[in-house]
Amino acid sequence: MNGQMNGHAIFENVRRYRGIASLYRQTAAFRPGQSWSLLEQASDWEARALAELEGYFASRADYTAQLAA
């Protein structure tokens, strides 16, 4: 159950991070003077989301490997 709750928390974080990135991209469309900075921030939030997912799946793979051993 704990792993399932942890997975839900991870996916909620990913959803939030991607939502924030989307807001930065939308804002960049309406602020051309700041668009590069805003798009860079959006990219940073997307990278956080990806890192969160990679960490989650890596830990699941490690756990599965331990069970198989």
C-alpha atoms as a PDB file:
ATOM      1  CA  MET A   1       0.000   0.000   0.000  1.00  0.00           C
ATOM      2  CA  ASN A   2       2.835   2.387   0.837  1.00  0.00           C
ATOM      3  CA  GLY A   3       4.382   1.990  -2.624  1.00  0.00           C
ATOM      4  CA  GLN A   4       1.008   2.687  -4.193  1.00  0.00           C
ATOM      5  CA  MET A   5       0.562   5.863  -2.153  1.00  0.00           C
ATOM      6  CA  ASN A   6       4.100   6.912  -3.018  1.00  0.00           C
ATOM      7  CA  GLY A   7       3.337   6.330  -6.696  1.00  0.00           C
ATOM      8  CA  HIS A   8       0.220   8.483  -6.446  1.00  0.00           C
ATOM      9  CA  ALA A   9       2.240  11.267  -4.836  1.00  0.00           C
ATOM     10  CA  ILE A  10       4.883  11.032  -7.564  1.00  0.00           C
ATOM     11  CA  PHE A  11       2.306  11.237 -10.336  1.00  0.00           C
ATOM     12  CA  GLU A  12       0.578  14.160  -8.610  1.00  0.00           C
ATOM     13  CA  ASN A  13       3.922  15.989  -8.457  1.00  0.00           C
ATOM     14  CA  VAL A  14       4.474  15.275 -12.164  1.00  0.00           C
ATOM     15  CA  ARG A  15       1.010  16.622 -12.967  1.00  0.00           C
ATOM     16  CA  ARG A  16       1.726  19.796 -10.986  1.00  0.00           C
ATOM     17  CA  TYR A  17       5.158  20.319 -12.527  1.00  0.00           C
ATOM     18  CA  ARG A  18       3.773  19.937 -16.041  1.00  0.00           C
ATOM     19  CA  GLY A  19       0.917  22.299 -15.211  1.00  0.00           C
ATOM     20  CA  ILE A  20       3.395  24.932 -14.053  1.00  0.00           C
ATOM     21  CA  ALA A  21       5.459  24.422 -17.215  1.00  0.00           C
ATOM     22  CA  SER A  22       2.321  24.885 -19.296  1.00  0.00           C
ATOM     23  CA  LEU A  23       1.552  28.172 -17.559  1.00  0.00           C
ATOM     24  CA  TYR A  24       5.061  29.432 -18.284  1.00  0.00           C
ATOM     25  CA  ARG A  25       4.667  28.519 -21.969  1.00  0.00           C
ATOM     26  CA  GLN A  26       1.277  30.241 -22.141  1.00  0.00           C
ATOM     27  CA  THR A  27       2.690  33.349 -20.486  1.00  0.00           C
ATOM     28  CA  ALA A  28       5.597  33.344 -22.945  1.00  0.00           C
ATOM     29  CA  ALA A  29       3.110  33.554 -25.813  1.00  0.00           C
ATOM     30  CA  PHE A  30       1.761  36.831 -24.436  1.00  0.00           C
ATOM     31  CA  ARG A  31       5.065  38.350 -23.305  1.00  0.00           C
ATOM     32  CA  PRO A  32       7.451  38.232 -26.255  1.00  0.00           C
ATOM     33  CA  GLY A  33      10.055  40.327 -24.449  1.00  0.00           C
ATOM     34  CA  GLN A  34      10.345  37.744 -21.692  1.00  0.00           C
ATOM     35  CA  SER A  35       9.627  34.651 -23.764  1.00  0.00           C
ATOM     36  CA  TRP A  36      13.143  33.185 -23.657  1.00  0.00           C
ATOM     37  CA  SER A  37      13.295  33.398 -19.887  1.00  0.00           C
ATOM     38  CA  LEU A  38       9.784  32.014 -19.481  1.00  0.00           C
ATOM     39  CA  LEU A  39      10.438  29.149 -21.880  1.00  0.00           C
ATOM     40  CA  GLU A  40      13.634  28.320 -20.017  1.00  0.00           C
ATOM     41  CA  GLN A  41      11.664  28.145 -16.773  1.00  0.00           C
ATOM     42  CA  ALA A  42       9.075  25.914 -18.474  1.00  0.00           C
ATOM     43  CA  SER A  43      11.897  23.640 -19.584  1.00  0.00           C
ATOM     44  CA  ASP A  44      13.207  23.485 -16.003  1.00  0.00           C
ATOM     45  CA  TRP A  45       9.775  22.395 -14.715  1.00  0.00           C
ATOM     46  CA  GLU A  46       9.503  19.746 -17.445  1.00  0.00           C
ATOM     47  CA  ALA A  47      12.956  18.477 -16.432  1.00  0.00           C
ATOM     48  CA  ARG A  48      11.754  18.205 -12.824  1.00  0.00           C
ATOM     49  CA  ALA A  49       8.754  16.185 -13.965  1.00  0.00           C
ATOM     50  CA  LEU A  50      10.958  13.884 -16.016  1.00  0.00           C
ATOM     51  CA  ALA A  51      13.430  13.410 -13.154  1.00  0.00           C
ATOM     52  CA  GLU A  52      10.560  12.536 -10.828  1.00  0.00           C
ATOM     53  CA  LEU A  53       9.271   9.907 -13.266  1.00  0.00           C
ATOM     54  CA  GLU A  54      12.724   8.483 -13.927  1.00  0.00           C
ATOM     55  CA  GLY A  55      13.401   8.171 -10.217  1.00  0.00           C
ATOM     56  CA  TYR A  56      10.079   6.468  -9.624  1.00  0.00           C
ATOM     57  CA  PHE A  57      10.517   3.904 -12.371  1.00  0.00           C
ATOM     58  CA  ALA A  58      14.164   3.277 -11.473  1.00  0.00           C
ATOM     59  CA  SER A  59      13.180   2.520  -7.879  1.00  0.00           C
ATOM     60  CA  ARG A  60      10.438   0.159  -9.109  1.00  0.00           C
ATOM     61  CA  ALA A  61      12.917  -1.639 -11.362  1.00  0.00           C
ATOM     62  CA  ASP A  62      15.354  -1.991  -8.439  1.00  0.00           C
ATOM     63  CA  TYR A  63      12.607  -3.392  -6.233  1.00  0.00           C
ATOM     64  CA  THR A  64      11.507  -5.846  -8.909  1.00  0.00           C
ATOM     65  CA  ALA A  65      15.104  -6.989  -9.394  1.00  0.00           C
ATOM     66  CA  GLN A  66      15.417  -7.634  -5.656  1.00  0.00           C
ATOM     67  CA  LEU A  67      12.273  -9.752  -5.698  1.00  0.00           C
ATOM     68  CA  ALA A  68      13.527 -11.775  -8.658  1.00  0.00           C
ATOM     69  CA  ALA A  69      16.878 -12.510  -7.004  1.00  0.00           C
END
